Amino acid sequence: MHTGKDIQFDQLLAQLRGLSDHQRRQLKAELERLEEISIDNSLEEFLLSAPTFSENQIKTIEETRKAIDQWRKN
């Protein structure tokens, strides 16, 4: 994340310590909101990048299911 300024971590902590209780609650709520968005995006990216079955694989699965159903009937 780039804020337009280069702030050292120690400086950032010092700034955060200077916040009022109300400002800290607002900051915490915003960070939690950003984390939820990040998790949602990560899950969506994961699902969209997951492998998919080829037509051949689907055909093999269907044939296997039919064979298993035949075997169960006997």
C-alpha atoms as a PDB file:
ATOM      1  CA  MET A   1       0.000   0.000   0.000  1.00  0.00           C
ATOM      2  CA  HIS A   2       1.387   3.387  -0.941  1.00  0.00           C
ATOM      3  CA  THR A   3       0.195   6.479   0.896  1.00  0.00           C
ATOM      4  CA  GLY A   4       1.997   9.062  -1.201  1.00  0.00           C
ATOM      5  CA  LYS A   5       4.533   9.523   1.595  1.00  0.00           C
ATOM      6  CA  ASP A   6       7.226   7.234   2.809  1.00  0.00           C
ATOM      7  CA  ILE A   7       6.609   6.793   6.528  1.00  0.00           C
ATOM      8  CA  GLN A   8       8.787   4.579   8.646  1.00  0.00           C
ATOM      9  CA  PHE A   9       6.939   1.966  10.683  1.00  0.00           C
ATOM     10  CA  ASP A  10       8.109   3.533  13.953  1.00  0.00           C
ATOM     11  CA  GLN A  11       6.741   6.889  12.836  1.00  0.00           C
ATOM     12  CA  LEU A  12       3.441   5.289  11.902  1.00  0.00           C
ATOM     13  CA  LEU A  13       3.171   3.675  15.335  1.00  0.00           C
ATOM     14  CA  ALA A  14       3.901   7.008  16.987  1.00  0.00           C
ATOM     15  CA  GLN A  15       1.137   8.619  14.928  1.00  0.00           C
ATOM     16  CA  LEU A  16      -1.303   5.846  15.849  1.00  0.00           C
ATOM     17  CA  ARG A  17      -0.525   6.196  19.542  1.00  0.00           C
ATOM     18  CA  GLY A  18      -1.520   9.835  19.283  1.00  0.00           C
ATOM     19  CA  LEU A  19      -5.042   9.020  18.098  1.00  0.00           C
ATOM     20  CA  SER A  20      -8.038   9.514  20.349  1.00  0.00           C
ATOM     21  CA  ASP A  21     -10.098   6.506  21.423  1.00  0.00           C
ATOM     22  CA  HIS A  22     -12.782   7.434  18.893  1.00  0.00           C
ATOM     23  CA  GLN A  23     -10.232   7.671  16.078  1.00  0.00           C
ATOM     24  CA  ARG A  24      -8.738   4.297  17.060  1.00  0.00           C
ATOM     25  CA  ARG A  25     -12.185   2.687  16.907  1.00  0.00           C
ATOM     26  CA  GLN A  26     -12.728   4.215  13.466  1.00  0.00           C
ATOM     27  CA  LEU A  27      -9.329   2.982  12.316  1.00  0.00           C
ATOM     28  CA  LYS A  28      -9.989  -0.511  13.667  1.00  0.00           C
ATOM     29  CA  ALA A  29     -13.372  -0.665  11.901  1.00  0.00           C
ATOM     30  CA  GLU A  30     -11.780   0.455   8.632  1.00  0.00           C
ATOM     31  CA  LEU A  31      -8.967  -2.112   8.919  1.00  0.00           C
ATOM     32  CA  GLU A  32     -11.498  -4.887   9.603  1.00  0.00           C
ATOM     33  CA  ARG A  33     -13.531  -3.780   6.577  1.00  0.00           C
ATOM     34  CA  LEU A  34     -10.427  -3.829   4.380  1.00  0.00           C
ATOM     35  CA  GLU A  35      -9.493  -7.282   5.687  1.00  0.00           C
ATOM     36  CA  GLU A  36     -12.957  -8.644   4.836  1.00  0.00           C
ATOM     37  CA  ILE A  37     -12.686  -7.252   1.312  1.00  0.00           C
ATOM     38  CA  SER A  38      -9.243  -8.796   0.963  1.00  0.00           C
ATOM     39  CA  ILE A  39     -10.489 -12.195   2.165  1.00  0.00           C
ATOM     40  CA  ASP A  40     -13.491 -12.051  -0.193  1.00  0.00           C
ATOM     41  CA  ASN A  41     -11.239 -11.151  -3.138  1.00  0.00           C
ATOM     42  CA  SER A  42      -8.774 -13.894  -2.229  1.00  0.00           C
ATOM     43  CA  LEU A  43     -11.529 -16.509  -2.115  1.00  0.00           C
ATOM     44  CA  GLU A  44     -12.960 -15.330  -5.418  1.00  0.00           C
ATOM     45  CA  GLU A  45      -9.519 -15.378  -7.057  1.00  0.00           C
ATOM     46  CA  PHE A  46      -8.869 -18.857  -5.672  1.00  0.00           C
ATOM     47  CA  LEU A  47     -12.162 -20.222  -6.978  1.00  0.00           C
ATOM     48  CA  LEU A  48     -11.740 -18.617 -10.395  1.00  0.00           C
ATOM     49  CA  SER A  49      -8.220 -19.976 -10.770  1.00  0.00           C
ATOM     50  CA  ALA A  50      -9.148 -23.505  -9.703  1.00  0.00           C
ATOM     51  CA  PRO A  51      -8.657 -26.253 -12.273  1.00  0.00           C
ATOM     52  CA  THR A  52     -11.639 -27.405 -14.301  1.00  0.00           C
ATOM     53  CA  PHE A  53     -12.518 -30.756 -15.862  1.00  0.00           C
ATOM     54  CA  SER A  54     -12.001 -31.295 -19.557  1.00  0.00           C
ATOM     55  CA  GLU A  55     -14.759 -32.798 -21.704  1.00  0.00           C
ATOM     56  CA  ASN A  56     -12.852 -36.091 -21.734  1.00  0.00           C
ATOM     57  CA  GLN A  57     -12.652 -36.165 -17.941  1.00  0.00           C
ATOM     58  CA  ILE A  58     -16.376 -35.427 -17.615  1.00  0.00           C
ATOM     59  CA  LYS A  59     -17.160 -38.242 -20.062  1.00  0.00           C
ATOM     60  CA  THR A  60     -14.977 -40.649 -18.055  1.00  0.00           C
ATOM     61  CA  ILE A  61     -16.704 -39.636 -14.807  1.00  0.00           C
ATOM     62  CA  GLU A  62     -20.141 -40.198 -16.340  1.00  0.00           C
ATOM     63  CA  GLU A  63     -19.122 -43.615 -17.662  1.00  0.00           C
ATOM     64  CA  THR A  64     -17.694 -44.570 -14.287  1.00  0.00           C
ATOM     65  CA  ARG A  65     -20.893 -43.524 -12.521  1.00  0.00           C
ATOM     66  CA  LYS A  66     -22.954 -45.630 -14.933  1.00  0.00           C
ATOM     67  CA  ALA A  67     -20.685 -48.637 -14.337  1.00  0.00           C
ATOM     68  CA  ILE A  68     -20.962 -48.224 -10.554  1.00  0.00           C
ATOM     69  CA  ASP A  69     -24.757 -47.959 -10.802  1.00  0.00           C
ATOM     70  CA  GLN A  70     -24.833 -51.158 -12.882  1.00  0.00           C
ATOM     71  CA  TRP A  71     -22.635 -52.938 -10.344  1.00  0.00           C
ATOM     72  CA  ARG A  72     -24.900 -51.851  -7.427  1.00  0.00           C
ATOM     73  CA  LYS A  73     -27.988 -53.266  -9.187  1.00  0.00           C
ATOM     74  CA  ASN A  74     -26.419 -56.715  -9.470  1.00  0.00           C
END
